[in-house]
PDB file of all heavy atoms in Angstrom:
ATOM      1  N   PRO A   1     113.841 104.918  92.261  1.00  0.00           N
ATOM      2  CA  PRO A   1     114.958 104.933  93.209  1.00  0.00           C
ATOM      3  C   PRO A   1     114.510 104.324  94.516  1.00  0.00           C
ATOM      4  O   PRO A   1     113.463 104.639  95.074  1.00  0.00           O
ATOM      5  CB  PRO A   1     115.259 106.450  93.366  1.00  0.00           C
ATOM      6  CG  PRO A   1     114.025 107.137  92.910  1.00  0.00           C
ATOM      7  CD  PRO A   1     113.348 106.250  91.880  1.00  0.00           C
ATOM      8  N   SER A   2     115.247 103.443  95.021  1.00  0.00           N
ATOM      9  CA  SER A   2     114.934 102.668  96.301  1.00  0.00           C
ATOM     10  C   SER A   2     115.416 103.409  97.433  1.00  0.00           C
ATOM     11  O   SER A   2     116.068 104.395  97.301  1.00  0.00           O
ATOM     12  CB  SER A   2     115.485 101.289  96.225  1.00  0.00           C
ATOM     13  OG  SER A   2     116.930 101.299  96.225  1.00  0.00           O
ATOM     14  N   GLY A   3     115.106 102.985  98.611  1.00  0.00           N
ATOM     15  CA  GLY A   3     115.506 103.548  99.857  1.00  0.00           C
ATOM     16  C   GLY A   3     114.371 103.342 100.902  1.00  0.00           C
ATOM     17  O   GLY A   3     113.303 103.389 100.517  1.00  0.00           O
ATOM     18  N   PRO A   4     114.871 103.374 102.150  1.00  0.00           N
ATOM     19  CA  PRO A   4     113.871 103.268 103.263  1.00  0.00           C
ATOM     20  C   PRO A   4     112.925 104.467 103.290  1.00  0.00           C
ATOM     21  O   PRO A   4     111.819 104.251 103.680  1.00  0.00           O
ATOM     22  CB  PRO A   4     114.891 103.214 104.541  1.00  0.00           C
ATOM     23  CG  PRO A   4     116.153 102.801 104.051  1.00  0.00           C
ATOM     24  CD  PRO A   4     116.313 103.389 102.655  1.00  0.00           C
ATOM     25  N   ALA A   5     113.285 105.620 102.989  1.00  0.00           N
ATOM     26  CA  ALA A   5     112.469 106.742 103.024  1.00  0.00           C
ATOM     27  C   ALA A   5     111.281 106.680 102.177  1.00  0.00           C
ATOM     28  O   ALA A   5     110.150 107.059 102.592  1.00  0.00           O
ATOM     29  CB  ALA A   5     113.244 108.005 102.831  1.00  0.00           C
ATOM     30  N   LEU A   6     111.611 106.253 100.891  1.00  0.00           N
ATOM     31  CA  LEU A   6     110.480 106.174  99.917  1.00  0.00           C
ATOM     32  C   LEU A   6     109.591 104.969 100.306  1.00  0.00           C
ATOM     33  O   LEU A   6     108.344 105.024 100.249  1.00  0.00           O
ATOM     34  CB  LEU A   6     111.122 105.771  98.503  1.00  0.00           C
ATOM     35  CG  LEU A   6     110.046 105.651  97.357  1.00  0.00           C
ATOM     36  CD1 LEU A   6     109.314 106.846  97.279  1.00  0.00           C
ATOM     37  CD2 LEU A   6     110.861 105.259  96.116  1.00  0.00           C
ATOM     38  N   ARG A   7     110.118 103.912 100.795  1.00  0.00           N
ATOM     39  CA  ARG A   7     109.284 102.764 101.390  1.00  0.00           C
ATOM     40  C   ARG A   7     108.391 103.177 102.499  1.00  0.00           C
ATOM     41  O   ARG A   7     107.183 102.900 102.503  1.00  0.00           O
ATOM     42  CB  ARG A   7     110.155 101.635 101.796  1.00  0.00           C
ATOM     43  CG  ARG A   7     109.294 100.460 102.318  1.00  0.00           C
ATOM     44  CD  ARG A   7     110.218  99.294 102.833  1.00  0.00           C
ATOM     45  NE  ARG A   7     109.478  98.014 103.011  1.00  0.00           N
ATOM     46  CZ  ARG A   7     108.921  97.802 104.071  1.00  0.00           C
ATOM     47  NH1 ARG A   7     108.653  98.695 105.043  1.00  0.00           N
ATOM     48  NH2 ARG A   7     108.193  96.555 104.208  1.00  0.00           N
ATOM     49  N   ASP A   8     108.937 104.057 103.410  1.00  0.00           N
ATOM     50  CA  ASP A   8     108.229 104.607 104.530  1.00  0.00           C
ATOM     51  C   ASP A   8     107.055 105.505 104.027  1.00  0.00           C
ATOM     52  O   ASP A   8     105.849 105.485 104.653  1.00  0.00           O
ATOM     53  CB  ASP A   8     109.072 105.304 105.534  1.00  0.00           C
ATOM     54  CG  ASP A   8     109.918 104.270 106.258  1.00  0.00           C
ATOM     55  OD1 ASP A   8     109.709 103.115 106.201  1.00  0.00           O
ATOM     56  OD2 ASP A   8     110.912 104.743 106.963  1.00  0.00           O
ATOM     57  N   ALA A   9     107.321 106.171 102.918  1.00  0.00           N
ATOM     58  CA  ALA A   9     106.288 107.153 102.487  1.00  0.00           C
ATOM     59  C   ALA A   9     105.221 106.407 101.773  1.00  0.00           C
ATOM     60  O   ALA A   9     103.907 106.786 101.769  1.00  0.00           O
ATOM     61  CB  ALA A   9     107.005 108.131 101.609  1.00  0.00           C
ATOM     62  N   LEU A  10     105.526 105.377 100.951  1.00  0.00           N
ATOM     63  CA  LEU A  10     104.542 104.694 100.163  1.00  0.00           C
ATOM     64  C   LEU A  10     103.770 103.528 100.970  1.00  0.00           C
ATOM     65  O   LEU A  10     102.622 103.275 100.523  1.00  0.00           O
ATOM     66  CB  LEU A  10     105.291 103.882  98.963  1.00  0.00           C
ATOM     67  CG  LEU A  10     105.876 104.787  97.946  1.00  0.00           C
ATOM     68  CD1 LEU A  10     106.596 104.035  96.939  1.00  0.00           C
ATOM     69  CD2 LEU A  10     104.810 105.621  97.367  1.00  0.00           C
ATOM     70  N   LEU A  11     104.314 103.091 101.992  1.00  0.00           N
ATOM     71  CA  LEU A  11     103.677 101.968 102.823  1.00  0.00           C
ATOM     72  C   LEU A  11     102.269 102.462 103.315  1.00  0.00           C
ATOM     73  O   LEU A  11     101.283 101.678 103.155  1.00  0.00           O
ATOM     74  CB  LEU A  11     104.520 101.454 103.854  1.00  0.00           C
ATOM     75  CG  LEU A  11     103.892 100.222 104.578  1.00  0.00           C
ATOM     76  CD1 LEU A  11     103.766  99.078 103.556  1.00  0.00           C
ATOM     77  CD2 LEU A  11     105.031  99.672 105.666  1.00  0.00           C
ATOM     78  N   PRO A  12     102.171 103.623 103.911  1.00  0.00           N
ATOM     79  CA  PRO A  12     100.857 104.098 104.436  1.00  0.00           C
ATOM     80  C   PRO A  12      99.864 104.307 103.257  1.00  0.00           C
ATOM     81  O   PRO A  12      98.611 103.937 103.436  1.00  0.00           O
ATOM     82  CB  PRO A  12     101.028 105.385 105.069  1.00  0.00           C
ATOM     83  CG  PRO A  12     102.521 105.428 105.499  1.00  0.00           C
ATOM     84  CD  PRO A  12     103.149 104.582 104.393  1.00  0.00           C
ATOM     85  N   VAL A  13     100.308 104.689 102.077  1.00  0.00           N
ATOM     86  CA  VAL A  13      99.411 104.822 100.962  1.00  0.00           C
ATOM     87  C   VAL A  13      98.874 103.506 100.483  1.00  0.00           C
ATOM     88  O   VAL A  13      97.722 103.355 100.148  1.00  0.00           O
ATOM     89  CB  VAL A  13     100.070 105.637  99.718  1.00  0.00           C
ATOM     90  CG1 VAL A  13      99.169 105.748  98.639  1.00  0.00           C
ATOM     91  CG2 VAL A  13     100.622 107.045 100.243  1.00  0.00           C
ATOM     92  N   ALA A  14      99.813 102.532 100.352  1.00  0.00           N
ATOM     93  CA  ALA A  14      99.332 101.241  99.904  1.00  0.00           C
ATOM     94  C   ALA A  14      98.424 100.522 100.962  1.00  0.00           C
ATOM     95  O   ALA A  14      97.434  99.843 100.630  1.00  0.00           O
ATOM     96  CB  ALA A  14     100.659 100.367  99.806  1.00  0.00           C
ATOM     97  N   ARG A  15      98.650 100.840 102.301  1.00  0.00           N
ATOM     98  CA  ARG A  15      97.932 100.244 103.274  1.00  0.00           C
ATOM     99  C   ARG A  15      96.523 100.798 103.181  1.00  0.00           C
ATOM    100  O   ARG A  15      95.527 100.168 103.306  1.00  0.00           O
ATOM    101  CB  ARG A  15      98.414 100.491 104.679  1.00  0.00           C
ATOM    102  CG  ARG A  15      97.696 100.071 105.790  1.00  0.00           C
ATOM    103  CD  ARG A  15      98.186 100.618 107.151  1.00  0.00           C
ATOM    104  NE  ARG A  15      97.433 100.325 108.309  1.00  0.00           N
ATOM    105  CZ  ARG A  15      97.796  99.228 109.137  1.00  0.00           C
ATOM    106  NH1 ARG A  15      98.842  98.469 108.911  1.00  0.00           N
ATOM    107  NH2 ARG A  15      97.127  99.010 110.187  1.00  0.00           N
ATOM    108  N   ALA A  16      96.331 102.137 103.070  1.00  0.00           N
ATOM    109  CA  ALA A  16      95.071 102.919 102.968  1.00  0.00           C
ATOM    110  C   ALA A  16      94.251 102.299 101.745  1.00  0.00           C
ATOM    111  O   ALA A  16      93.031 102.064 101.821  1.00  0.00           O
ATOM    112  CB  ALA A  16      95.312 104.346 102.835  1.00  0.00           C
ATOM    113  N   ALA A  17      94.971 102.227 100.624  1.00  0.00           N
ATOM    114  CA  ALA A  17      94.340 101.627  99.485  1.00  0.00           C
ATOM    115  C   ALA A  17      93.823 100.292  99.683  1.00  0.00           C
ATOM    116  O   ALA A  17      92.704  99.927  99.174  1.00  0.00           O
ATOM    117  CB  ALA A  17      95.286 101.672  98.205  1.00  0.00           C
ATOM    118  N   ALA A  18      94.523  99.372 100.223  1.00  0.00           N
ATOM    119  CA  ALA A  18      94.007  98.096 100.541  1.00  0.00           C
ATOM    120  C   ALA A  18      92.782  98.094 101.542  1.00  0.00           C
ATOM    121  O   ALA A  18      91.922  97.253 101.320  1.00  0.00           O
ATOM    122  CB  ALA A  18      95.171  97.308 101.196  1.00  0.00           C
ATOM    123  N   LEU A  19      92.955  98.988 102.552  1.00  0.00           N
ATOM    124  CA  LEU A  19      91.725  99.096 103.448  1.00  0.00           C
ATOM    125  C   LEU A  19      90.533  99.529 102.638  1.00  0.00           C
ATOM    126  O   LEU A  19      89.491  99.010 102.867  1.00  0.00           O
ATOM    127  CB  LEU A  19      92.014 100.031 104.499  1.00  0.00           C
ATOM    128  CG  LEU A  19      93.019  99.477 105.624  1.00  0.00           C
ATOM    129  CD1 LEU A  19      93.576 100.626 106.403  1.00  0.00           C
ATOM    130  CD2 LEU A  19      92.264  98.504 106.633  1.00  0.00           C
ATOM    131  N   ALA A  20      90.657 100.553 101.776  1.00  0.00           N
ATOM    132  CA  ALA A  20      89.557 101.105 101.021  1.00  0.00           C
ATOM    133  C   ALA A  20      88.888 100.011 100.196  1.00  0.00           C
ATOM    134  O   ALA A  20      87.663  99.967  99.959  1.00  0.00           O
ATOM    135  CB  ALA A  20      89.960 102.369 100.374  1.00  0.00           C
ATOM    136  N   ALA A  21      89.853  99.227  99.535  1.00  0.00           N
ATOM    137  CA  ALA A  21      89.369  98.177  98.589  1.00  0.00           C
ATOM    138  C   ALA A  21      88.634  97.035  99.374  1.00  0.00           C
ATOM    139  O   ALA A  21      87.642  96.586  98.913  1.00  0.00           O
ATOM    140  CB  ALA A  21      90.589  97.650  97.801  1.00  0.00           C
ATOM    141  N   ALA A  22      89.184  96.746 100.466  1.00  0.00           N
ATOM    142  CA  ALA A  22      88.559  95.655 101.244  1.00  0.00           C
ATOM    143  C   ALA A  22      87.176  96.126 101.729  1.00  0.00           C
ATOM    144  O   ALA A  22      86.152  95.399 101.696  1.00  0.00           O
ATOM    145  CB  ALA A  22      89.466  95.265 102.515  1.00  0.00           C
ATOM    146  N   ALA A  23      87.064  97.364 102.119  1.00  0.00           N
ATOM    147  CA  ALA A  23      85.724  97.944 102.553  1.00  0.00           C
ATOM    148  C   ALA A  23      84.721  97.977 101.491  1.00  0.00           C
ATOM    149  O   ALA A  23      83.569  97.542 101.578  1.00  0.00           O
ATOM    150  CB  ALA A  23      85.891  99.354 103.176  1.00  0.00           C
ATOM    151  N   ALA A  24      85.237  98.310 100.261  1.00  0.00           N
ATOM    152  CA  ALA A  24      84.326  98.409  99.070  1.00  0.00           C
ATOM    153  C   ALA A  24      83.744  96.980  98.642  1.00  0.00           C
ATOM    154  O   ALA A  24      82.601  96.867  98.252  1.00  0.00           O
ATOM    155  CB  ALA A  24      85.102  98.944  97.799  1.00  0.00           C
ATOM    156  N   THR A  25      84.562  95.937  98.839  1.00  0.00           N
ATOM    157  CA  THR A  25      84.032  94.561  98.617  1.00  0.00           C
ATOM    158  C   THR A  25      82.862  94.154  99.439  1.00  0.00           C
ATOM    159  O   THR A  25      82.062  93.355  99.067  1.00  0.00           O
ATOM    160  CB  THR A  25      85.162  93.642  98.623  1.00  0.00           C
ATOM    161  OG1 THR A  25      85.635  93.552  99.988  1.00  0.00           O
ATOM    162  CG2 THR A  25      86.343  93.834  97.687  1.00  0.00           C
ATOM    163  N   HIS A  26      82.764  94.877 100.616  1.00  0.00           N
ATOM    164  CA  HIS A  26      81.668  94.529 101.542  1.00  0.00           C
ATOM    165  C   HIS A  26      80.547  95.636 101.403  1.00  0.00           C
ATOM    166  O   HIS A  26      79.749  95.705 102.298  1.00  0.00           O
ATOM    167  CB  HIS A  26      82.220  94.503 102.986  1.00  0.00           C
ATOM    168  CG  HIS A  26      83.151  93.211 103.166  1.00  0.00           C
ATOM    169  ND1 HIS A  26      82.646  91.965 103.483  1.00  0.00           N
ATOM    170  CD2 HIS A  26      84.407  93.209 103.203  1.00  0.00           C
ATOM    171  CE1 HIS A  26      83.648  91.170 103.613  1.00  0.00           C
ATOM    172  NE2 HIS A  26      84.842  91.829 103.354  1.00  0.00           N
ATOM    173  N   ASP A  27      80.578  96.485 100.313  1.00  0.00           N
ATOM    174  CA  ASP A  27      79.644  97.580 100.210  1.00  0.00           C
ATOM    175  C   ASP A  27      79.579  98.430 101.418  1.00  0.00           C
ATOM    176  O   ASP A  27      78.644  98.920 101.966  1.00  0.00           O
ATOM    177  CB  ASP A  27      78.159  97.085  99.987  1.00  0.00           C
ATOM    178  CG  ASP A  27      77.324  98.085  99.487  1.00  0.00           C
ATOM    179  OD1 ASP A  27      77.863  99.177  98.974  1.00  0.00           O
ATOM    180  OD2 ASP A  27      76.050  98.043  99.476  1.00  0.00           O
ATOM    181  N   ALA A  28      80.966  98.743 101.887  1.00  0.00           N
ATOM    182  CA  ALA A  28      81.086  99.509 103.125  1.00  0.00           C
ATOM    183  C   ALA A  28      81.990 100.735 102.817  1.00  0.00           C
ATOM    184  O   ALA A  28      82.713 100.728 101.987  1.00  0.00           O
ATOM    185  CB  ALA A  28      81.707  98.668 104.232  1.00  0.00           C
ATOM    186  N   LEU A  29      81.724 101.826 103.629  1.00  0.00           N
ATOM    187  CA  LEU A  29      82.520 102.996 103.498  1.00  0.00           C
ATOM    188  C   LEU A  29      83.559 102.955 104.604  1.00  0.00           C
ATOM    189  O   LEU A  29      83.243 102.742 105.799  1.00  0.00           O
ATOM    190  CB  LEU A  29      81.663 104.168 103.682  1.00  0.00           C
ATOM    191  CG  LEU A  29      82.446 105.611 103.650  1.00  0.00           C
ATOM    192  CD1 LEU A  29      82.871 105.940 102.277  1.00  0.00           C
ATOM    193  CD2 LEU A  29      81.408 106.656 104.247  1.00  0.00           C
ATOM    194  N   LEU A  30      84.787 103.203 104.251  1.00  0.00           N
ATOM    195  CA  LEU A  30      85.946 103.112 105.207  1.00  0.00           C
ATOM    196  C   LEU A  30      85.845 104.436 105.938  1.00  0.00           C
ATOM    197  O   LEU A  30      86.053 105.541 105.334  1.00  0.00           O
ATOM    198  CB  LEU A  30      87.275 102.762 104.566  1.00  0.00           C
ATOM    199  CG  LEU A  30      88.497 102.847 105.433  1.00  0.00           C
ATOM    200  CD1 LEU A  30      88.406 101.683 106.332  1.00  0.00           C
ATOM    201  CD2 LEU A  30      89.750 102.871 104.609  1.00  0.00           C
ATOM    202  N   VAL A  31      85.886 104.404 107.296  1.00  0.00           N
ATOM    203  CA  VAL A  31      85.914 105.690 108.185  1.00  0.00           C
ATOM    204  C   VAL A  31      87.036 105.450 109.090  1.00  0.00           C
ATOM    205  O   VAL A  31      87.314 104.431 109.690  1.00  0.00           O
ATOM    206  CB  VAL A  31      84.591 105.783 108.899  1.00  0.00           C
ATOM    207  CG1 VAL A  31      84.773 106.861 110.027  1.00  0.00           C
ATOM    208  CG2 VAL A  31      83.351 106.005 108.111  1.00  0.00           C
ATOM    209  N   GLY A  32      87.825 106.560 109.134  1.00  0.00           N
ATOM    210  CA  GLY A  32      89.038 106.613 109.987  1.00  0.00           C
ATOM    211  C   GLY A  32      88.637 106.777 111.451  1.00  0.00           C
ATOM    212  O   GLY A  32      87.882 107.690 111.724  1.00  0.00           O
ATOM    213  N   GLY A  33      89.216 106.025 112.327  1.00  0.00           N
ATOM    214  CA  GLY A  33      89.007 106.237 113.755  1.00  0.00           C
ATOM    215  C   GLY A  33      90.184 106.849 114.514  1.00  0.00           C
ATOM    216  O   GLY A  33      90.225 106.847 115.671  1.00  0.00           O
ATOM    217  N   ASP A  34      91.181 107.319 113.629  1.00  0.00           N
ATOM    218  CA  ASP A  34      92.450 107.805 114.260  1.00  0.00           C
ATOM    219  C   ASP A  34      92.361 109.395 114.128  1.00  0.00           C
ATOM    220  O   ASP A  34      91.892 109.916 113.156  1.00  0.00           O
ATOM    221  CB  ASP A  34      93.602 107.304 113.508  1.00  0.00           C
ATOM    222  CG  ASP A  34      94.938 107.691 114.047  1.00  0.00           C
ATOM    223  OD1 ASP A  34      94.901 108.652 114.956  1.00  0.00           O
ATOM    224  OD2 ASP A  34      95.934 107.088 113.600  1.00  0.00           O
ATOM    225  N   CYS A  35      92.723 110.094 115.208  1.00  0.00           N
ATOM    226  CA  CYS A  35      92.778 111.618 115.149  1.00  0.00           C
ATOM    227  C   CYS A  35      93.572 112.057 113.930  1.00  0.00           C
ATOM    228  O   CYS A  35      93.313 113.195 113.422  1.00  0.00           O
ATOM    229  CB  CYS A  35      93.270 112.195 116.359  1.00  0.00           C
ATOM    230  SG  CYS A  35      92.056 111.971 117.854  1.00  0.00           S
ATOM    231  N   ALA A  36      94.622 111.294 113.559  1.00  0.00           N
ATOM    232  CA  ALA A  36      95.484 111.737 112.541  1.00  0.00           C
ATOM    233  C   ALA A  36      95.146 111.054 111.208  1.00  0.00           C
ATOM    234  O   ALA A  36      95.898 111.095 110.184  1.00  0.00           O
ATOM    235  CB  ALA A  36      96.941 111.393 112.794  1.00  0.00           C
ATOM    236  N   HIS A  37      93.997 110.416 111.026  1.00  0.00           N
ATOM    237  CA  HIS A  37      93.605 109.705 109.729  1.00  0.00           C
ATOM    238  C   HIS A  37      93.592 110.733 108.654  1.00  0.00           C
ATOM    239  O   HIS A  37      92.974 111.863 108.736  1.00  0.00           O
ATOM    240  CB  HIS A  37      92.195 109.155 110.023  1.00  0.00           C
ATOM    241  CG  HIS A  37      91.707 108.394 108.761  1.00  0.00           C
ATOM    242  ND1 HIS A  37      92.278 107.180 108.381  1.00  0.00           N
ATOM    243  CD2 HIS A  37      90.797 108.766 107.787  1.00  0.00           C
ATOM    244  CE1 HIS A  37      91.623 106.793 107.246  1.00  0.00           C
ATOM    245  NE2 HIS A  37      90.699 107.653 106.937  1.00  0.00           N
TER     246      HIS A  37
END
């Protein structure tokens, strides 16, 4: 089911997964610098 609410919910998850994958390719651990990470 589509809709803006679902997109808004999934986008942070997809972003976090992309960040973690990019870090792993550099043999790095992704650490959050945000109080709400």
